[in-house]
mmCIF file of all heavy atoms, coordinates in Angstrom:
data_MODEL
# 
_entry.id   MODEL 
# 
loop_
_atom_site.group_PDB 
_atom_site.id 
_atom_site.type_symbol 
_atom_site.label_atom_id 
_atom_site.label_alt_id 
_atom_site.label_comp_id 
_atom_site.label_asym_id 
_atom_site.label_entity_id 
_atom_site.label_seq_id 
_atom_site.pdbx_PDB_ins_code 
_atom_site.Cartn_x 
_atom_site.Cartn_y 
_atom_site.Cartn_z 
_atom_site.occupancy 
_atom_site.B_iso_or_equiv 
_atom_site.pdbx_formal_charge 
_atom_site.auth_seq_id 
_atom_site.auth_comp_id 
_atom_site.auth_asym_id 
_atom_site.auth_atom_id 
_atom_site.pdbx_PDB_model_num 
ATOM 1   N N   . THR A 1 1  ? 0.814  -1.218 0.000  1.00 0.00 ? 1  THR A N   1 
ATOM 2   C CA  . THR A 1 1  ? 0.000  0.000  0.000  1.00 0.00 ? 1  THR A CA  1 
ATOM 3   C C   . THR A 1 1  ? 0.845  1.265  0.000  1.00 0.00 ? 1  THR A C   1 
ATOM 4   O O   . THR A 1 1  ? 0.379  2.332  -0.392 1.00 0.00 ? 1  THR A O   1 
ATOM 5   C CB  . THR A 1 1  ? -0.924 0.052  1.235  1.00 0.00 ? 1  THR A CB  1 
ATOM 6   O OG1 . THR A 1 1  ? -0.118 0.119  2.413  1.00 0.00 ? 1  THR A OG1 1 
ATOM 7   C CG2 . THR A 1 1  ? -1.846 -1.157 1.283  1.00 0.00 ? 1  THR A CG2 1 
ATOM 8   N N   . GLY A 1 2  ? 2.076  1.169  0.510  1.00 0.00 ? 2  GLY A N   1 
ATOM 9   C CA  . GLY A 1 2  ? 2.943  2.341  0.592  1.00 0.00 ? 2  GLY A CA  1 
ATOM 10  C C   . GLY A 1 2  ? 2.767  3.149  1.854  1.00 0.00 ? 2  GLY A C   1 
ATOM 11  O O   . GLY A 1 2  ? 3.481  4.115  2.083  1.00 0.00 ? 2  GLY A O   1 
ATOM 12  N N   . GLU A 1 3  ? 1.810  2.774  2.708  1.00 0.00 ? 3  GLU A N   1 
ATOM 13  C CA  . GLU A 1 3  ? 1.576  3.486  3.968  1.00 0.00 ? 3  GLU A CA  1 
ATOM 14  C C   . GLU A 1 3  ? 1.691  2.528  5.147  1.00 0.00 ? 3  GLU A C   1 
ATOM 15  O O   . GLU A 1 3  ? 1.261  1.376  5.069  1.00 0.00 ? 3  GLU A O   1 
ATOM 16  C CB  . GLU A 1 3  ? 0.184  4.116  3.993  1.00 0.00 ? 3  GLU A CB  1 
ATOM 17  C CG  . GLU A 1 3  ? 0.017  5.277  3.041  1.00 0.00 ? 3  GLU A CG  1 
ATOM 18  C CD  . GLU A 1 3  ? -1.327 5.955  3.220  1.00 0.00 ? 3  GLU A CD  1 
ATOM 19  O OE1 . GLU A 1 3  ? -2.155 5.491  4.029  1.00 0.00 ? 3  GLU A OE1 1 
ATOM 20  O OE2 . GLU A 1 3  ? -1.548 6.958  2.538  1.00 0.00 ? 3  GLU A OE2 1 
ATOM 21  N N   . VAL A 1 4  ? 2.263  2.999  6.226  1.00 0.00 ? 4  VAL A N   1 
ATOM 22  C CA  . VAL A 1 4  ? 2.373  2.222  7.449  1.00 0.00 ? 4  VAL A CA  1 
ATOM 23  C C   . VAL A 1 4  ? 1.815  3.041  8.616  1.00 0.00 ? 4  VAL A C   1 
ATOM 24  O O   . VAL A 1 4  ? 1.841  4.267  8.585  1.00 0.00 ? 4  VAL A O   1 
ATOM 25  C CB  . VAL A 1 4  ? 3.829  1.809  7.757  1.00 0.00 ? 4  VAL A CB  1 
ATOM 26  C CG1 . VAL A 1 4  ? 4.335  0.808  6.744  1.00 0.00 ? 4  VAL A CG1 1 
ATOM 27  C CG2 . VAL A 1 4  ? 4.743  3.002  7.819  1.00 0.00 ? 4  VAL A CG2 1 
ATOM 28  N N   . THR A 1 5  ? 1.313  2.358  9.625  1.00 0.00 ? 5  THR A N   1 
ATOM 29  C CA  . THR A 1 5  ? 0.859  3.014  10.844 1.00 0.00 ? 5  THR A CA  1 
ATOM 30  C C   . THR A 1 5  ? 1.764  2.569  11.975 1.00 0.00 ? 5  THR A C   1 
ATOM 31  O O   . THR A 1 5  ? 1.903  1.374  12.236 1.00 0.00 ? 5  THR A O   1 
ATOM 32  C CB  . THR A 1 5  ? -0.596 2.649  11.170 1.00 0.00 ? 5  THR A CB  1 
ATOM 33  O OG1 . THR A 1 5  ? -1.419 3.049  10.076 1.00 0.00 ? 5  THR A OG1 1 
ATOM 34  C CG2 . THR A 1 5  ? -1.068 3.343  12.427 1.00 0.00 ? 5  THR A CG2 1 
ATOM 35  N N   . GLN A 1 6  ? 2.396  3.529  12.609 1.00 0.00 ? 6  GLN A N   1 
ATOM 36  C CA  . GLN A 1 6  ? 3.284  3.242  13.719 1.00 0.00 ? 6  GLN A CA  1 
ATOM 37  C C   . GLN A 1 6  ? 2.587  3.677  15.002 1.00 0.00 ? 6  GLN A C   1 
ATOM 38  O O   . GLN A 1 6  ? 2.097  4.805  15.088 1.00 0.00 ? 6  GLN A O   1 
ATOM 39  C CB  . GLN A 1 6  ? 4.600  3.988  13.550 1.00 0.00 ? 6  GLN A CB  1 
ATOM 40  C CG  . GLN A 1 6  ? 5.614  3.671  14.601 1.00 0.00 ? 6  GLN A CG  1 
ATOM 41  C CD  . GLN A 1 6  ? 6.927  4.401  14.346 1.00 0.00 ? 6  GLN A CD  1 
ATOM 42  O OE1 . GLN A 1 6  ? 6.942  5.503  13.804 1.00 0.00 ? 6  GLN A OE1 1 
ATOM 43  N NE2 . GLN A 1 6  ? 8.016  3.798  14.744 1.00 0.00 ? 6  GLN A NE2 1 
ATOM 44  N N   . ILE A 1 7  ? 2.544  2.799  15.987 1.00 0.00 ? 7  ILE A N   1 
ATOM 45  C CA  . ILE A 1 7  ? 1.885  3.123  17.250 1.00 0.00 ? 7  ILE A CA  1 
ATOM 46  C C   . ILE A 1 7  ? 2.923  3.640  18.230 1.00 0.00 ? 7  ILE A C   1 
ATOM 47  O O   . ILE A 1 7  ? 3.936  2.992  18.476 1.00 0.00 ? 7  ILE A O   1 
ATOM 48  C CB  . ILE A 1 7  ? 1.166  1.899  17.833 1.00 0.00 ? 7  ILE A CB  1 
ATOM 49  C CG1 . ILE A 1 7  ? 0.063  1.440  16.887 1.00 0.00 ? 7  ILE A CG1 1 
ATOM 50  C CG2 . ILE A 1 7  ? 0.602  2.225  19.214 1.00 0.00 ? 7  ILE A CG2 1 
ATOM 51  C CD1 . ILE A 1 7  ? -0.641 0.181  17.325 1.00 0.00 ? 7  ILE A CD1 1 
ATOM 52  N N   . ARG A 1 8  ? 2.677  4.819  18.770 1.00 0.00 ? 8  ARG A N   1 
ATOM 53  C CA  . ARG A 1 8  ? 3.493  5.357  19.859 1.00 0.00 ? 8  ARG A CA  1 
ATOM 54  C C   . ARG A 1 8  ? 2.717  5.099  21.139 1.00 0.00 ? 8  ARG A C   1 
ATOM 55  O O   . ARG A 1 8  ? 1.651  5.684  21.363 1.00 0.00 ? 8  ARG A O   1 
ATOM 56  C CB  . ARG A 1 8  ? 3.744  6.842  19.668 1.00 0.00 ? 8  ARG A CB  1 
ATOM 57  C CG  . ARG A 1 8  ? 4.612  7.380  20.764 1.00 0.00 ? 8  ARG A CG  1 
ATOM 58  C CD  . ARG A 1 8  ? 5.205  8.715  20.422 1.00 0.00 ? 8  ARG A CD  1 
ATOM 59  N NE  . ARG A 1 8  ? 6.130  9.059  21.487 1.00 0.00 ? 8  ARG A NE  1 
ATOM 60  C CZ  . ARG A 1 8  ? 6.328  10.281 21.909 1.00 0.00 ? 8  ARG A CZ  1 
ATOM 61  N NH1 . ARG A 1 8  ? 5.719  11.280 21.320 1.00 0.00 ? 8  ARG A NH1 1 
ATOM 62  N NH2 . ARG A 1 8  ? 7.160  10.510 22.882 1.00 0.00 ? 8  ARG A NH2 1 
ATOM 63  N N   . TYR A 1 9  ? 3.237  4.184  21.943 1.00 0.00 ? 9  TYR A N   1 
ATOM 64  C CA  . TYR A 1 9  ? 2.532  3.792  23.155 1.00 0.00 ? 9  TYR A CA  1 
ATOM 65  C C   . TYR A 1 9  ? 2.584  4.913  24.183 1.00 0.00 ? 9  TYR A C   1 
ATOM 66  O O   . TYR A 1 9  ? 3.620  5.515  24.413 1.00 0.00 ? 9  TYR A O   1 
ATOM 67  C CB  . TYR A 1 9  ? 3.125  2.509  23.735 1.00 0.00 ? 9  TYR A CB  1 
ATOM 68  C CG  . TYR A 1 9  ? 2.883  1.324  22.843 1.00 0.00 ? 9  TYR A CG  1 
ATOM 69  C CD1 . TYR A 1 9  ? 3.894  0.770  22.085 1.00 0.00 ? 9  TYR A CD1 1 
ATOM 70  C CD2 . TYR A 1 9  ? 1.613  0.771  22.743 1.00 0.00 ? 9  TYR A CD2 1 
ATOM 71  C CE1 . TYR A 1 9  ? 3.664  -0.311 21.256 1.00 0.00 ? 9  TYR A CE1 1 
ATOM 72  C CE2 . TYR A 1 9  ? 1.366  -0.313 21.911 1.00 0.00 ? 9  TYR A CE2 1 
ATOM 73  C CZ  . TYR A 1 9  ? 2.398  -0.844 21.177 1.00 0.00 ? 9  TYR A CZ  1 
ATOM 74  O OH  . TYR A 1 9  ? 2.167  -1.907 20.346 1.00 0.00 ? 9  TYR A OH  1 
ATOM 75  N N   . GLY A 1 10 ? 1.455  5.170  24.793 1.00 0.00 ? 10 GLY A N   1 
ATOM 76  C CA  . GLY A 1 10 ? 1.349  6.211  25.792 1.00 0.00 ? 10 GLY A CA  1 
ATOM 77  C C   . GLY A 1 10 ? 1.544  5.667  27.193 1.00 0.00 ? 10 GLY A C   1 
ATOM 78  O O   . GLY A 1 10 ? 1.738  4.467  27.411 1.00 0.00 ? 10 GLY A O   1 
ATOM 79  N N   . SER A 1 11 ? 1.466  6.556  28.152 1.00 0.00 ? 11 SER A N   1 
ATOM 80  C CA  . SER A 1 11 ? 1.652  6.147  29.540 1.00 0.00 ? 11 SER A CA  1 
ATOM 81  C C   . SER A 1 11 ? 0.498  5.279  30.041 1.00 0.00 ? 11 SER A C   1 
ATOM 82  O O   . SER A 1 11 ? 0.640  4.589  31.043 1.00 0.00 ? 11 SER A O   1 
ATOM 83  C CB  . SER A 1 11 ? 1.832  7.370  30.445 1.00 0.00 ? 11 SER A CB  1 
ATOM 84  O OG  . SER A 1 11 ? 0.728  8.239  30.342 1.00 0.00 ? 11 SER A OG  1 
ATOM 85  N N   . ASN A 1 12 ? -0.624 5.258  29.311 1.00 0.00 ? 12 ASN A N   1 
ATOM 86  C CA  . ASN A 1 12 ? -1.726 4.383  29.703 1.00 0.00 ? 12 ASN A CA  1 
ATOM 87  C C   . ASN A 1 12 ? -1.357 2.912  29.496 1.00 0.00 ? 12 ASN A C   1 
ATOM 88  O O   . ASN A 1 12 ? -1.978 2.031  30.087 1.00 0.00 ? 12 ASN A O   1 
ATOM 89  C CB  . ASN A 1 12 ? -2.997 4.727  28.931 1.00 0.00 ? 12 ASN A CB  1 
ATOM 90  C CG  . ASN A 1 12 ? -2.855 4.499  27.436 1.00 0.00 ? 12 ASN A CG  1 
ATOM 91  O OD1 . ASN A 1 12 ? -1.797 4.741  26.861 1.00 0.00 ? 12 ASN A OD1 1 
ATOM 92  N ND2 . ASN A 1 12 ? -3.916 4.050  26.812 1.00 0.00 ? 12 ASN A ND2 1 
ATOM 93  N N   . SER A 1 13 ? -0.338 2.626  28.691 1.00 0.00 ? 13 SER A N   1 
ATOM 94  C CA  . SER A 1 13 ? 0.114  1.253  28.453 1.00 0.00 ? 13 SER A CA  1 
ATOM 95  C C   . SER A 1 13 ? 1.203  0.816  29.429 1.00 0.00 ? 13 SER A C   1 
ATOM 96  O O   . SER A 1 13 ? 1.644  -0.324 29.385 1.00 0.00 ? 13 SER A O   1 
ATOM 97  C CB  . SER A 1 13 ? 0.651  1.111  27.029 1.00 0.00 ? 13 SER A CB  1 
ATOM 98  O OG  . SER A 1 13 ? -0.358 1.377  26.094 1.00 0.00 ? 13 SER A OG  1 
ATOM 99  N N   . ALA A 1 14 ? 1.657  1.720  30.277 1.00 0.00 ? 14 ALA A N   1 
ATOM 100 C CA  . ALA A 1 14 ? 2.743  1.405  31.211 1.00 0.00 ? 14 ALA A CA  1 
ATOM 101 C C   . ALA A 1 14 ? 2.222  0.656  32.432 1.00 0.00 ? 14 ALA A C   1 
ATOM 102 O O   . ALA A 1 14 ? 1.071  0.820  32.841 1.00 0.00 ? 14 ALA A O   1 
ATOM 103 C CB  . ALA A 1 14 ? 3.437  2.689  31.653 1.00 0.00 ? 14 ALA A CB  1 
ATOM 104 N N   . GLU A 1 15 ? 3.092  -0.163 32.994 1.00 0.00 ? 15 GLU A N   1 
ATOM 105 C CA  . GLU A 1 15 ? 2.780  -0.904 34.218 1.00 0.00 ? 15 GLU A CA  1 
ATOM 106 C C   . GLU A 1 15 ? 3.451  -0.195 35.394 1.00 0.00 ? 15 GLU A C   1 
ATOM 107 O O   . GLU A 1 15 ? 4.646  0.103  35.340 1.00 0.00 ? 15 GLU A O   1 
ATOM 108 C CB  . GLU A 1 15 ? 3.324  -2.326 34.086 1.00 0.00 ? 15 GLU A CB  1 
ATOM 109 C CG  . GLU A 1 15 ? 3.249  -3.146 35.342 1.00 0.00 ? 15 GLU A CG  1 
ATOM 110 C CD  . GLU A 1 15 ? 4.008  -4.464 35.218 1.00 0.00 ? 15 GLU A CD  1 
ATOM 111 O OE1 . GLU A 1 15 ? 4.524  -4.773 34.133 1.00 0.00 ? 15 GLU A OE1 1 
ATOM 112 O OE2 . GLU A 1 15 ? 4.062  -5.167 36.237 1.00 0.00 ? 15 GLU A OE2 1 
ATOM 113 N N   . VAL A 1 16 ? 2.699  0.094  36.442 1.00 0.00 ? 16 VAL A N   1 
ATOM 114 C CA  . VAL A 1 16 ? 3.267  0.737  37.629 1.00 0.00 ? 16 VAL A CA  1 
ATOM 115 C C   . VAL A 1 16 ? 3.938  -0.348 38.472 1.00 0.00 ? 16 VAL A C   1 
ATOM 116 O O   . VAL A 1 16 ? 3.288  -1.281 38.935 1.00 0.00 ? 16 VAL A O   1 
ATOM 117 C CB  . VAL A 1 16 ? 2.191  1.476  38.448 1.00 0.00 ? 16 VAL A CB  1 
ATOM 118 C CG1 . VAL A 1 16 ? 2.794  2.062  39.713 1.00 0.00 ? 16 VAL A CG1 1 
ATOM 119 C CG2 . VAL A 1 16 ? 1.532  2.562  37.621 1.00 0.00 ? 16 VAL A CG2 1 
ATOM 120 N N   . LEU A 1 17 ? 5.256  -0.227 38.650 1.00 0.00 ? 17 LEU A N   1 
ATOM 121 C CA  . LEU A 1 17 ? 6.011  -1.194 39.442 1.00 0.00 ? 17 LEU A CA  1 
ATOM 122 C C   . LEU A 1 17 ? 6.032  -0.831 40.921 1.00 0.00 ? 17 LEU A C   1 
ATOM 123 O O   . LEU A 1 17 ? 6.085  -1.708 41.768 1.00 0.00 ? 17 LEU A O   1 
ATOM 124 C CB  . LEU A 1 17 ? 7.446  -1.308 38.916 1.00 0.00 ? 17 LEU A CB  1 
ATOM 125 C CG  . LEU A 1 17 ? 7.595  -1.763 37.464 1.00 0.00 ? 17 LEU A CG  1 
ATOM 126 C CD1 . LEU A 1 17 ? 9.069  -1.762 37.065 1.00 0.00 ? 17 LEU A CD1 1 
ATOM 127 C CD2 . LEU A 1 17 ? 6.992  -3.147 37.268 1.00 0.00 ? 17 LEU A CD2 1 
ATOM 128 N N   . ALA A 1 18 ? 6.033  0.468  41.216 1.00 0.00 ? 18 ALA A N   1 
ATOM 129 C CA  . ALA A 1 18 ? 6.046  0.930  42.605 1.00 0.00 ? 18 ALA A CA  1 
ATOM 130 C C   . ALA A 1 18 ? 5.547  2.365  42.650 1.00 0.00 ? 18 ALA A C   1 
ATOM 131 O O   . ALA A 1 18 ? 5.667  3.112  41.686 1.00 0.00 ? 18 ALA A O   1 
ATOM 132 C CB  . ALA A 1 18 ? 7.446  0.841  43.185 1.00 0.00 ? 18 ALA A CB  1 
ATOM 133 N N   . LYS A 1 19 ? 5.007  2.741  43.813 1.00 0.00 ? 19 LYS A N   1 
ATOM 134 C CA  . LYS A 1 19 ? 4.513  4.109  43.980 1.00 0.00 ? 19 LYS A CA  1 
ATOM 135 C C   . LYS A 1 19 ? 5.654  5.100  44.183 1.00 0.00 ? 19 LYS A C   1 
ATOM 136 O O   . LYS A 1 19 ? 5.519  6.268  43.865 1.00 0.00 ? 19 LYS A O   1 
ATOM 137 C CB  . LYS A 1 19 ? 3.558  4.181  45.168 1.00 0.00 ? 19 LYS A CB  1 
ATOM 138 C CG  . LYS A 1 19 ? 2.261  3.440  44.926 1.00 0.00 ? 19 LYS A CG  1 
ATOM 139 C CD  . LYS A 1 19 ? 1.342  3.563  46.123 1.00 0.00 ? 19 LYS A CD  1 
ATOM 140 C CE  . LYS A 1 19 ? 0.061  2.780  45.873 1.00 0.00 ? 19 LYS A CE  1 
ATOM 141 N NZ  . LYS A 1 19 ? -0.835 2.851  47.025 1.00 0.00 ? 19 LYS A NZ  1 
ATOM 142 N N   . THR A 1 20 ? 6.776  4.621  44.735 1.00 0.00 ? 20 THR A N   1 
ATOM 143 C CA  . THR A 1 20 ? 7.926  5.490  44.973 1.00 0.00 ? 20 THR A CA  1 
ATOM 144 C C   . THR A 1 20 ? 9.206  4.743  44.614 1.00 0.00 ? 20 THR A C   1 
ATOM 145 O O   . THR A 1 20 ? 9.225  3.514  44.521 1.00 0.00 ? 20 THR A O   1 
ATOM 146 C CB  . THR A 1 20 ? 8.025  5.914  46.450 1.00 0.00 ? 20 THR A CB  1 
ATOM 147 O OG1 . THR A 1 20 ? 8.246  4.741  47.243 1.00 0.00 ? 20 THR A OG1 1 
ATOM 148 C CG2 . THR A 1 20 ? 6.772  6.628  46.921 1.00 0.00 ? 20 THR A CG2 1 
ATOM 149 N N   . VAL A 1 21 ? 10.289 5.495  44.454 1.00 0.00 ? 21 VAL A N   1 
ATOM 150 C CA  . VAL A 1 21 ? 11.592 4.890  44.166 1.00 0.00 ? 21 VAL A CA  1 
ATOM 151 C C   . VAL A 1 21 ? 12.051 4.065  45.363 1.00 0.00 ? 21 VAL A C   1 
ATOM 152 O O   . VAL A 1 21 ? 12.604 2.972  45.203 1.00 0.00 ? 21 VAL A O   1 
ATOM 153 C CB  . VAL A 1 21 ? 12.622 5.981  43.805 1.00 0.00 ? 21 VAL A CB  1 
ATOM 154 C CG1 . VAL A 1 21 ? 14.001 5.381  43.612 1.00 0.00 ? 21 VAL A CG1 1 
ATOM 155 C CG2 . VAL A 1 21 ? 12.186 6.725  42.552 1.00 0.00 ? 21 VAL A CG2 1 
ATOM 156 N N   . LYS A 1 22 ? 11.806 4.568  46.555 1.00 0.00 ? 22 LYS A N   1 
ATOM 157 C CA  . LYS A 1 22 ? 12.186 3.830  47.775 1.00 0.00 ? 22 LYS A CA  1 
ATOM 158 C C   . LYS A 1 22 ? 11.503 2.466  47.793 1.00 0.00 ? 22 LYS A C   1 
ATOM 159 O O   . LYS A 1 22 ? 12.142 1.444  48.069 1.00 0.00 ? 22 LYS A O   1 
ATOM 160 C CB  . LYS A 1 22 ? 11.796 4.642  49.014 1.00 0.00 ? 22 LYS A CB  1 
ATOM 161 C CG  . LYS A 1 22 ? 12.060 3.928  50.315 1.00 0.00 ? 22 LYS A CG  1 
ATOM 162 C CD  . LYS A 1 22 ? 11.582 4.755  51.501 1.00 0.00 ? 22 LYS A CD  1 
ATOM 163 C CE  . LYS A 1 22 ? 11.729 3.992  52.797 1.00 0.00 ? 22 LYS A CE  1 
ATOM 164 N NZ  . LYS A 1 22 ? 11.214 4.756  53.944 1.00 0.00 ? 22 LYS A NZ  1 
ATOM 165 N N   . GLU A 1 23 ? 10.219 2.426  47.495 1.00 0.00 ? 23 GLU A N   1 
ATOM 166 C CA  . GLU A 1 23 ? 9.475  1.158  47.471 1.00 0.00 ? 23 GLU A CA  1 
ATOM 167 C C   . GLU A 1 23 ? 10.053 0.211  46.417 1.00 0.00 ? 23 GLU A C   1 
ATOM 168 O O   . GLU A 1 23 ? 10.207 -0.981 46.652 1.00 0.00 ? 23 GLU A O   1 
ATOM 169 C CB  . GLU A 1 23 ? 8.000  1.432  47.171 1.00 0.00 ? 23 GLU A CB  1 
ATOM 170 C CG  . GLU A 1 23 ? 7.136  0.196  47.114 1.00 0.00 ? 23 GLU A CG  1 
ATOM 171 C CD  . GLU A 1 23 ? 5.699  0.528  46.740 1.00 0.00 ? 23 GLU A CD  1 
ATOM 172 O OE1 . GLU A 1 23 ? 5.163  1.549  47.228 1.00 0.00 ? 23 GLU A OE1 1 
ATOM 173 O OE2 . GLU A 1 23 ? 5.127  -0.222 45.947 1.00 0.00 ? 23 GLU A OE2 1 
ATOM 174 N N   . TYR A 1 24 ? 10.416 0.748  45.255 1.00 0.00 ? 24 TYR A N   1 
ATOM 175 C CA  . TYR A 1 24 ? 10.986 -0.067 44.179 1.00 0.00 ? 24 TYR A CA  1 
ATOM 176 C C   . TYR A 1 24 ? 12.320 -0.678 44.607 1.00 0.00 ? 24 TYR A C   1 
ATOM 177 O O   . TYR A 1 24 ? 12.570 -1.862 44.393 1.00 0.00 ? 24 TYR A O   1 
ATOM 178 C CB  . TYR A 1 24 ? 11.168 0.793  42.926 1.00 0.00 ? 24 TYR A CB  1 
ATOM 179 C CG  . TYR A 1 24 ? 11.788 0.061  41.773 1.00 0.00 ? 24 TYR A CG  1 
ATOM 180 C CD1 . TYR A 1 24 ? 11.062 -0.874 41.050 1.00 0.00 ? 24 TYR A CD1 1 
ATOM 181 C CD2 . TYR A 1 24 ? 13.105 0.295  41.407 1.00 0.00 ? 24 TYR A CD2 1 
ATOM 182 C CE1 . TYR A 1 24 ? 11.626 -1.555 39.986 1.00 0.00 ? 24 TYR A CE1 1 
ATOM 183 C CE2 . TYR A 1 24 ? 13.679 -0.373 40.341 1.00 0.00 ? 24 TYR A CE2 1 
ATOM 184 C CZ  . TYR A 1 24 ? 12.935 -1.302 39.640 1.00 0.00 ? 24 TYR A CZ  1 
ATOM 185 O OH  . TYR A 1 24 ? 13.509 -1.977 38.589 1.00 0.00 ? 24 TYR A OH  1 
ATOM 186 N N   . ILE A 1 25 ? 13.169 0.116  45.249 1.00 0.00 ? 25 ILE A N   1 
ATOM 187 C CA  . ILE A 1 25 ? 14.472 -0.380 45.702 1.00 0.00 ? 25 ILE A CA  1 
ATOM 188 C C   . ILE A 1 25 ? 14.296 -1.429 46.797 1.00 0.00 ? 25 ILE A C   1 
ATOM 189 O O   . ILE A 1 25 ? 14.932 -2.492 46.761 1.00 0.00 ? 25 ILE A O   1 
ATOM 190 C CB  . ILE A 1 25 ? 15.355 0.788  46.193 1.00 0.00 ? 25 ILE A CB  1 
ATOM 191 C CG1 . ILE A 1 25 ? 15.732 1.682  45.006 1.00 0.00 ? 25 ILE A CG1 1 
ATOM 192 C CG2 . ILE A 1 25 ? 16.596 0.281  46.914 1.00 0.00 ? 25 ILE A CG2 1 
ATOM 193 C CD1 . ILE A 1 25 ? 16.395 2.982  45.403 1.00 0.00 ? 25 ILE A CD1 1 
ATOM 194 N N   . LEU A 1 26 ? 13.438 -1.160 47.766 1.00 0.00 ? 26 LEU A N   1 
ATOM 195 C CA  . LEU A 1 26 ? 13.229 -2.124 48.853 1.00 0.00 ? 26 LEU A CA  1 
ATOM 196 C C   . LEU A 1 26 ? 12.636 -3.438 48.339 1.00 0.00 ? 26 LEU A C   1 
ATOM 197 O O   . LEU A 1 26 ? 13.036 -4.520 48.787 1.00 0.00 ? 26 LEU A O   1 
ATOM 198 C CB  . LEU A 1 26 ? 12.336 -1.527 49.942 1.00 0.00 ? 26 LEU A CB  1 
ATOM 199 C CG  . LEU A 1 26 ? 12.996 -0.436 50.789 1.00 0.00 ? 26 LEU A CG  1 
ATOM 200 C CD1 . LEU A 1 26 ? 11.984 0.159  51.768 1.00 0.00 ? 26 LEU A CD1 1 
ATOM 201 C CD2 . LEU A 1 26 ? 14.195 -0.993 51.543 1.00 0.00 ? 26 LEU A CD2 1 
ATOM 202 N N   . ASN A 1 27 ? 11.707 -3.356 47.399 1.00 0.00 ? 27 ASN A N   1 
ATOM 203 C CA  . ASN A 1 27 ? 11.149 -4.579 46.812 1.00 0.00 ? 27 ASN A CA  1 
ATOM 204 C C   . ASN A 1 27 ? 12.225 -5.386 46.101 1.00 0.00 ? 27 ASN A C   1 
ATOM 205 O O   . ASN A 1 27 ? 12.247 -6.613 46.179 1.00 0.00 ? 27 ASN A O   1 
ATOM 206 C CB  . ASN A 1 27 ? 10.016 -4.248 45.842 1.00 0.00 ? 27 ASN A CB  1 
ATOM 207 C CG  . ASN A 1 27 ? 8.768  -3.771 46.539 1.00 0.00 ? 27 ASN A CG  1 
ATOM 208 O OD1 . ASN A 1 27 ? 8.599  -3.966 47.732 1.00 0.00 ? 27 ASN A OD1 1 
ATOM 209 N ND2 . ASN A 1 27 ? 7.899  -3.109 45.796 1.00 0.00 ? 27 ASN A ND2 1 
ATOM 210 N N   . GLY A 1 28 ? 13.143 -4.706 45.420 1.00 0.00 ? 28 GLY A N   1 
ATOM 211 C CA  . GLY A 1 28 ? 14.240 -5.385 44.741 1.00 0.00 ? 28 GLY A CA  1 
ATOM 212 C C   . GLY A 1 28 ? 15.208 -6.030 45.713 1.00 0.00 ? 28 GLY A C   1 
ATOM 213 O O   . GLY A 1 28 ? 15.715 -7.124 45.461 1.00 0.00 ? 28 GLY A O   1 
# 
């Protein structure tokens, strides 16, 4: 077709790993 659609994923597609950096480090 000569045309492509590229999806730029937004922050709605992101997974929250921790509420704070401290929580993320302690969980690790």
